[in-house]
Protein backbone atom coordinates (compact mmCIF):
# COMPACT_ATOMS: atom_id res chain seq x y z
CA MET A 1 -0.36 -0.03 0.10
CA THR A 2 1.41 3.72 -0.58
CA ALA A 3 1.66 6.40 1.68
CA SER A 4 0.76 8.16 -1.42
CA CYS A 5 -2.69 9.57 -1.33
CA LEU A 6 -5.74 12.30 -2.26
CA PHE A 7 -7.36 15.32 -0.13
CA ASP A 8 -10.58 16.39 -1.37
CA GLY A 9 -11.08 19.59 0.28
CA GLU A 10 -11.67 23.43 0.23
CA VAL A 11 -9.67 26.21 1.01
CA VAL A 12 -10.54 29.68 2.46
CA HIS A 13 -9.36 33.16 2.37
CA VAL A 14 -10.33 35.81 4.80
CA ARG A 15 -8.27 39.27 4.77
CA HIS A 16 -8.95 41.10 7.99
CA ALA A 17 -7.43 44.52 7.08
CA PRO A 18 -7.10 47.21 5.62
CA VAL A 19 -10.80 45.71 4.67
CA ARG A 20 -12.59 42.71 4.96
CA HIS A 21 -13.05 39.98 2.04
CA ARG A 22 -13.63 36.45 2.05
CA LEU A 23 -13.55 33.71 -0.35
CA ALA A 24 -13.81 30.02 -0.45
CA TYR A 25 -13.74 26.98 -3.38
CA ARG A 26 -13.42 23.48 -3.39
CA ILE A 27 -10.11 22.08 -4.44
CA PHE A 28 -8.58 18.81 -4.31
CA MET A 29 -4.77 17.85 -3.18
CA GLY A 30 -2.55 14.83 -3.86
CA LEU A 31 0.27 13.66 -1.09
CA PHE A 32 2.67 12.41 -3.01
CA ASP A 33 6.01 10.37 -1.42
CA LEU A 34 8.66 11.69 -3.85
CA ASP A 35 10.19 8.09 -4.23
CA GLU A 36 6.74 6.87 -4.87
CA LEU A 37 6.19 8.87 -8.16
CA PRO A 38 7.38 6.33 -10.69
CA SER A 39 5.44 3.77 -9.24
CA LEU A 40 2.51 5.56 -9.15
CA ALA A 41 2.79 6.29 -12.77
CA ARG A 42 3.34 2.40 -13.33
CA GLN A 43 0.07 1.72 -10.95
CA SER A 44 -2.51 4.01 -13.53
CA ARG A 45 -2.67 4.84 -16.89
CA LEU A 46 -4.08 8.49 -16.13
CA PHE A 47 -0.90 9.42 -13.77
CA GLY A 48 2.26 10.81 -15.57
CA TYR A 49 5.08 11.53 -13.34
CA ASN A 50 7.78 14.08 -15.51
CA ALA A 51 4.69 12.86 -18.27
CA ALA A 52 1.28 13.16 -19.83
CA GLY A 53 -1.78 12.44 -18.14
CA LEU A 54 -5.00 13.22 -16.99
CA PHE A 55 -3.48 13.95 -13.85
CA SER A 56 0.73 14.46 -13.53
CA PHE A 57 3.44 15.51 -11.31
CA HIS A 58 6.18 17.07 -12.78
CA ASP A 59 9.59 18.06 -10.95
CA MET A 60 10.33 21.25 -12.68
CA ASP A 61 6.36 22.40 -11.30
CA HIS A 62 8.51 23.07 -8.07
CA GLY A 63 11.84 23.95 -6.40
CA ASP A 64 13.73 26.07 -8.95
CA GLY A 65 12.34 24.61 -11.82
CA SER A 66 15.33 23.15 -13.27
CA GLY A 67 13.47 19.48 -13.13
CA ARG A 68 16.19 18.08 -10.49
CA PRO A 69 15.19 15.47 -8.44
CA LEU A 70 13.13 17.54 -5.52
CA ARG A 71 14.69 15.07 -2.74
CA VAL A 72 17.73 17.12 -3.37
CA GLN A 73 16.63 20.32 -3.70
CA ILE A 74 14.52 19.85 -0.06
CA GLU A 75 18.29 18.20 1.83
CA ARG A 76 20.03 21.61 0.24
CA ALA A 77 17.15 23.94 1.56
CA LEU A 78 17.32 21.71 5.22
CA THR A 79 20.60 22.33 4.85
CA ASP A 80 21.15 25.91 4.31
CA ALA A 81 18.42 26.18 7.38
CA GLY A 82 20.84 24.54 9.61
CA ILE A 83 18.28 21.38 9.70
CA ASP A 84 19.44 18.40 9.52
CA ALA A 85 18.48 16.36 6.09
CA PRO A 86 15.52 13.56 6.47
CA ASP A 87 16.44 10.08 6.57
CA GLY A 88 12.94 8.87 6.22
CA PRO A 89 10.21 9.94 3.36
CA VAL A 90 10.08 13.15 1.92
CA ARG A 91 6.09 13.76 1.13
CA ILE A 92 4.95 16.55 -0.73
CA LEU A 93 0.63 18.25 -0.56
CA CYS A 94 0.30 20.04 -3.63
CA MET A 95 -2.31 20.39 -6.30
CA PRO A 96 -0.82 18.15 -9.77
CA ARG A 97 -1.43 19.10 -12.94
CA LEU A 98 -4.99 18.81 -14.07
CA LEU A 99 -4.70 18.18 -18.17
CA GLY A 100 -1.12 19.58 -18.40
CA TYR A 101 -1.46 22.70 -15.95
CA VAL A 102 -1.60 23.58 -12.63
CA PHE A 103 -0.69 26.65 -10.48
CA ASN A 104 0.31 25.87 -6.61
CA PRO A 105 0.48 29.04 -4.53
CA LEU A 106 1.83 26.59 -1.55
CA SER A 107 3.00 23.01 -1.79
CA VAL A 108 4.13 21.66 1.64
CA TYR A 109 6.54 19.23 2.17
CA PHE A 110 6.57 16.87 5.21
CA CYS A 111 10.29 15.13 5.92
CA HIS A 112 10.13 12.22 8.38
CA ASP A 113 13.08 10.48 10.07
CA ARG A 114 13.66 6.72 9.49
CA SER A 115 10.60 6.33 12.39
CA SER A 116 7.74 8.18 10.18
CA GLU A 117 8.09 11.32 12.71
CA ILE A 118 7.89 14.48 10.90
CA ARG A 119 11.12 16.30 12.13
CA ALA A 120 10.70 19.24 9.65
CA ILE A 121 8.72 20.99 7.05
CA VAL A 122 9.56 22.74 3.83
CA HIS A 123 6.71 25.65 2.91
CA GLU A 124 7.17 26.56 -0.90
CA VAL A 125 5.32 29.96 -1.64
CA ASN A 126 4.55 30.66 -5.25
CA ASN A 127 3.42 33.81 -6.88
CA THR A 128 1.91 34.37 -9.94
CA PHE A 129 5.38 35.77 -11.68
CA GLY A 130 6.95 32.66 -11.92
CA GLU A 131 9.01 33.15 -8.65
CA ARG A 132 9.34 30.86 -5.54
CA GLN A 133 10.53 30.49 -2.43
CA PHE A 134 11.39 28.31 0.35
CA TYR A 135 10.66 28.44 3.63
CA ALA A 136 12.60 25.58 5.77
CA LEU A 137 11.60 25.03 9.57
CA PRO A 138 12.06 22.12 11.65
CA ALA A 139 8.60 20.94 13.18
CA SER A 140 7.56 18.57 16.02
CA THR A 141 4.17 17.47 16.75
CA GLY A 142 2.28 18.83 19.73
CA PRO A 143 -0.06 17.26 22.36
CA ASP A 144 -2.88 18.12 19.72
CA GLY A 145 -1.49 16.35 17.16
CA LYS A 146 -0.19 19.80 15.23
CA VAL A 147 2.80 21.08 14.08
CA ARG A 148 2.96 24.95 14.96
CA GLN A 149 5.48 26.94 13.22
CA ASP A 150 6.82 30.74 12.59
CA CYS A 151 9.19 32.74 10.41
CA ALA A 152 9.05 36.40 8.99
CA LYS A 153 7.65 36.96 5.79
CA SER A 154 10.80 37.46 2.96
CA PHE A 155 8.74 36.79 -0.78
CA ARG A 156 6.34 38.87 -1.83
CA VAL A 157 3.84 37.11 -2.71
CA SER A 158 0.35 39.74 -3.47
CA PRO A 159 1.03 43.49 -4.12
CA PHE A 160 -1.79 43.94 -1.94
CA LEU A 161 0.02 42.77 1.36
CA PRO A 162 3.67 44.21 2.28
CA MET A 163 6.71 42.47 3.29
CA ASP A 164 6.94 43.52 7.22
CA LEU A 165 4.83 40.53 7.74
CA ASP A 166 5.30 37.54 9.97
CA TYR A 167 3.81 33.48 9.48
CA ARG A 168 2.41 31.32 11.57
CA PHE A 169 1.59 28.06 10.82
CA THR A 170 -0.95 25.26 12.46
CA ILE A 171 -0.52 22.18 10.50
CA ALA A 172 -2.69 18.74 11.02
CA PRO A 173 -0.30 16.30 9.42
CA PRO A 174 -1.62 14.28 7.02
CA ALA A 175 -4.07 11.38 8.37
CA GLU A 176 -7.53 10.36 7.45
CA GLU A 177 -7.64 14.65 7.25
CA THR A 178 -5.17 17.16 7.12
CA SER A 179 -5.17 20.74 7.27
CA VAL A 180 -2.74 23.47 6.71
CA HIS A 181 -3.49 27.26 8.27
CA ILE A 182 -1.62 29.90 7.69
CA ALA A 183 -2.12 33.39 9.73
CA VAL A 184 -0.36 36.61 8.05
CA GLN A 185 0.61 38.33 11.34
CA ARG A 186 1.66 42.30 11.67
CA ASP A 187 2.90 42.74 15.68
CA GLY A 188 0.42 39.83 16.28
CA SER A 189 -2.79 40.16 14.57
CA ASP A 190 -3.82 38.83 11.52
CA VAL A 191 -3.98 40.47 8.38
CA LEU A 192 -5.09 37.36 6.47
CA SER A 193 -5.69 34.00 7.36
CA ALA A 194 -5.63 30.92 4.72
CA TRP A 195 -5.97 27.57 5.05
CA PHE A 196 -6.72 24.19 3.04
CA ALA A 197 -9.12 21.24 4.78
CA GLY A 198 -9.53 18.18 3.42
CA ARG A 199 -10.11 14.15 3.74
CA ARG A 200 -8.01 11.65 2.00
CA ARG A 201 -8.97 9.51 -0.26
CA ARG A 202 -6.89 6.65 -1.72
CA PHE A 203 -4.79 7.04 -5.12
CA SER A 204 -6.21 5.10 -7.08
CA SER A 205 -7.71 5.71 -11.29
CA LEU A 206 -11.57 5.33 -9.90
CA ALA A 207 -10.53 8.27 -6.89
CA MET A 208 -8.93 10.74 -10.24
CA VAL A 209 -11.68 10.00 -12.69
CA ALA A 210 -14.75 10.77 -9.26
CA LEU A 211 -12.28 13.96 -8.70
CA PHE A 212 -11.86 14.98 -11.81
CA LEU A 213 -15.99 15.10 -13.00
CA ARG A 214 -16.16 17.23 -9.59
CA HIS A 215 -13.49 19.59 -9.72
CA PRO A 216 -12.88 19.66 -14.28
CA ALA A 217 -10.89 22.37 -14.45
CA MET A 218 -9.65 23.06 -11.11
CA THR A 219 -6.55 24.22 -11.98
CA LEU A 220 -7.51 26.98 -14.41
CA LYS A 221 -10.26 27.95 -11.65
CA VAL A 222 -7.77 28.62 -9.06
CA ILE A 223 -5.45 30.78 -11.01
CA SER A 224 -8.41 33.02 -12.49
CA GLY A 225 -10.19 32.85 -9.00
CA ILE A 226 -6.80 34.65 -7.44
CA HIS A 227 -7.21 37.65 -10.44
CA TRP A 228 -10.53 37.79 -10.30
CA GLU A 229 -10.12 38.11 -6.28
CA ALA A 230 -7.33 40.44 -6.47
CA LEU A 231 -10.02 42.63 -8.50
CA LEU A 232 -12.76 42.43 -5.93
CA LEU A 233 -10.24 43.28 -3.42
CA TRP A 234 -8.65 46.28 -5.41
CA GLY A 235 -11.87 48.04 -5.57
CA LYS A 236 -13.12 47.09 -1.98
CA LEU A 237 -10.22 49.12 -1.11
CA ARG A 238 -10.44 52.15 -3.75
CA PHE A 239 -13.85 52.29 -2.22
CA ALA A 240 -12.76 52.61 1.36
CA ARG A 241 -9.44 54.92 0.66
CA GLY A 242 -12.40 57.15 -0.93
CA ARG A 243 -14.53 57.01 1.80
CA ARG A 244 -11.75 58.17 4.17
CA SER A 245 -10.54 61.43 1.92
CA SER A 246 -14.31 62.49 1.70
């Protein structure tokens, strides 16, 4: 049985300041063990690894975009951050390509030791200009089963968010359910909250067909939704500024 699986769920974004704005949409994500990717492609004709498929995963969609093995890149990111490289599985939670297209605002790498305990998590943030940034952070599971991490923002994602902010991550590691919650903060107060929560589905051709029929244009919806919601937010900000100046 593979550790790789699919998670069907929902993404929610809530902007708290300077205006309130909320969006929510249904998506699915894959949890892919990097060592299992070749065997997943052999398991289902619907899935391609660095190849075409109804669903596919391409190394070049992540990391530095070179297509070099992602495990090597993650190990380097951890070493650069002063964290020991994992000696167990590395699994990435992300959207796969769907009919050849994908855009992942955030991909999360769970780095395990030999006993399958999570020792580090690498957050890969993408912006719409094709740039990526790793945030490599040590990880340990708390009494409630969740991982909590924080770091300073060092990469521009949205034109509506300045750089002098902090990230606070709260993660329920993948099991029957998973969730990734990000609070973007200034001086301890939330400016933006975003989260994904999903329920596990076994990796199989049947599950992929069902998810495709449920979300046939998911990856295009994500990128178009980002731009549409940015336009709505821009309008709200202009309206709020106009009221303050009147």
